[in-house]
Amino acid sequence: MATVVIVDDAKFMRKTLTSILQNAQYEVIGEAENGQEAVELYRSLKPDLMTMDITMPQMSGIEAVKKIKEEFPDAKIVMCSAIGQQKMVVESIEAGAKDFIVKPFDEIRVLDAIKRVLG
């Protein structure tokens, strides 16, 4: 069972993703509200996959991806973006994210992206 950490500053979004993933038999082992927490959680939990919101307080998702990839080049991170954030999605992929999902979350698309990234 793959382990996942969910990063989003909105509790509702974390809850939504958690239920989608748990229904599909993924194990959600942690949650973070900002990029700084995400980096710390990645270090301590080393999940198989992390979902990362782009726009967050303290440290953006893009910054967090850069930091995580510096330390853990094999990290698998899927970005979560709102519609209209294409430029930021491109930046996140350049920073090392493997894929992205768009809010509001569509269960099938979310699971497809996660399966692709986990291989």
Protein backbone atom coordinates (compact mmCIF):
# COMPACT_ATOMS: atom_id res chain seq x y z
CA MET A 1 0.00 0.00 0.00
CA ALA A 2 1.50 3.31 -1.09
CA THR A 3 1.90 6.05 1.52
CA VAL A 4 0.83 9.60 0.77
CA VAL A 5 1.23 12.99 2.43
CA ILE A 6 -1.32 15.66 1.46
CA VAL A 7 -0.32 19.33 1.43
CA ASP A 8 -2.94 22.06 1.11
CA ASP A 9 -3.69 25.16 3.16
CA ALA A 10 -7.44 24.41 2.92
CA LYS A 11 -8.62 21.76 5.37
CA PHE A 12 -11.59 20.95 3.12
CA MET A 13 -9.25 20.13 0.20
CA ARG A 14 -7.10 17.90 2.44
CA LYS A 15 -10.24 16.08 3.63
CA THR A 16 -11.50 15.63 0.05
CA LEU A 17 -8.19 14.20 -1.19
CA THR A 18 -7.82 12.00 1.90
CA SER A 19 -11.19 10.37 1.32
CA ILE A 20 -10.51 9.83 -2.43
CA LEU A 21 -7.15 8.22 -1.65
CA GLN A 22 -8.30 6.12 1.29
CA ASN A 23 -11.22 4.77 -0.75
CA ALA A 24 -8.64 3.64 -3.32
CA GLN A 25 -6.57 1.87 -0.62
CA TYR A 26 -3.77 4.43 -0.33
CA GLU A 27 -2.48 5.16 3.16
CA VAL A 28 -2.53 8.87 4.03
CA ILE A 29 0.24 9.18 6.63
CA GLY A 30 0.37 12.94 7.06
CA GLU A 31 -0.99 16.38 6.19
CA ALA A 32 0.64 19.78 5.96
CA GLU A 33 -0.81 23.29 5.60
CA ASN A 34 2.16 25.05 3.98
CA GLY A 35 5.36 24.43 2.07
CA GLN A 36 7.60 24.60 5.13
CA GLU A 37 5.58 21.89 6.92
CA ALA A 38 5.60 19.88 3.68
CA VAL A 39 9.41 19.85 3.53
CA GLU A 40 9.66 18.83 7.20
CA LEU A 41 7.03 16.09 6.82
CA TYR A 42 8.71 14.74 3.70
CA ARG A 43 12.00 14.50 5.60
CA SER A 44 10.48 12.68 8.55
CA LEU A 45 7.92 10.43 6.80
CA LYS A 46 9.50 9.85 3.33
CA PRO A 47 6.13 9.06 1.71
CA ASP A 48 5.82 7.22 -1.60
CA LEU A 49 3.96 10.25 -2.92
CA MET A 50 3.09 13.79 -1.88
CA THR A 51 0.27 15.95 -3.24
CA MET A 52 1.23 19.62 -3.16
CA ASP A 53 -0.99 22.68 -3.43
CA ILE A 54 0.66 25.47 -5.44
CA THR A 55 -0.53 28.57 -3.59
CA MET A 56 0.08 28.47 0.17
CA PRO A 57 1.23 30.81 2.94
CA GLN A 58 4.85 30.89 4.22
CA MET A 59 6.30 28.84 1.36
CA SER A 60 4.67 28.12 -1.99
CA GLY A 61 4.25 24.62 -3.32
CA ILE A 62 6.80 25.37 -6.05
CA GLU A 63 9.43 26.41 -3.48
CA ALA A 64 8.66 23.31 -1.41
CA VAL A 65 9.06 21.05 -4.45
CA LYS A 66 12.47 22.60 -5.19
CA LYS A 67 13.62 22.06 -1.60
CA ILE A 68 12.34 18.47 -1.43
CA LYS A 69 13.85 17.54 -4.81
CA GLU A 70 17.25 18.98 -3.74
CA GLU A 71 17.35 16.57 -0.80
CA PHE A 72 15.34 13.73 -2.32
CA PRO A 73 15.82 13.65 -6.11
CA ASP A 74 13.49 10.63 -6.41
CA ALA A 75 10.58 12.31 -4.60
CA LYS A 76 7.24 11.80 -6.34
CA ILE A 77 5.12 14.93 -6.07
CA VAL A 78 1.79 15.67 -7.73
CA MET A 79 0.77 19.33 -7.83
CA CYS A 80 -2.78 20.50 -7.12
CA SER A 81 -3.77 23.61 -9.02
CA ALA A 82 -6.82 25.75 -9.46
CA ILE A 83 -8.06 26.37 -12.97
CA GLY A 84 -6.07 29.18 -14.59
CA GLN A 85 -2.75 28.37 -12.89
CA GLN A 86 -1.16 26.84 -16.03
CA LYS A 87 1.96 29.01 -15.77
CA MET A 88 2.51 27.87 -12.19
CA VAL A 89 1.87 24.25 -13.16
CA VAL A 90 4.64 24.52 -15.78
CA GLU A 91 6.95 26.04 -13.15
CA SER A 92 6.18 23.19 -10.73
CA ILE A 93 6.93 20.54 -13.36
CA GLU A 94 10.20 22.32 -14.13
CA ALA A 95 10.93 22.32 -10.39
CA GLY A 96 10.51 18.54 -10.34
CA ALA A 97 6.83 17.73 -9.82
CA LYS A 98 5.79 14.61 -11.74
CA ASP A 99 2.20 15.49 -12.62
CA PHE A 100 -0.69 17.72 -11.58
CA ILE A 101 -4.38 17.51 -10.73
CA VAL A 102 -6.88 20.34 -11.02
CA LYS A 103 -9.36 21.55 -8.42
CA PRO A 104 -12.21 20.87 -7.93
CA PHE A 105 -10.94 17.30 -7.70
CA ASP A 106 -12.37 14.66 -10.01
CA GLU A 107 -11.88 11.29 -8.32
CA ILE A 108 -10.98 9.41 -11.51
CA ARG A 109 -8.47 12.05 -12.66
CA VAL A 110 -6.86 12.19 -9.22
CA LEU A 111 -6.41 8.42 -9.09
CA ASP A 112 -5.16 8.27 -12.71
CA ALA A 113 -2.46 10.86 -11.99
CA ILE A 114 -1.40 9.09 -8.80
CA LYS A 115 -1.22 5.68 -10.51
CA ARG A 116 0.84 7.21 -13.34
CA VAL A 117 3.31 8.80 -10.95
CA LEU A 118 3.66 5.75 -8.71
CA GLY A 119 4.10 3.60 -11.82
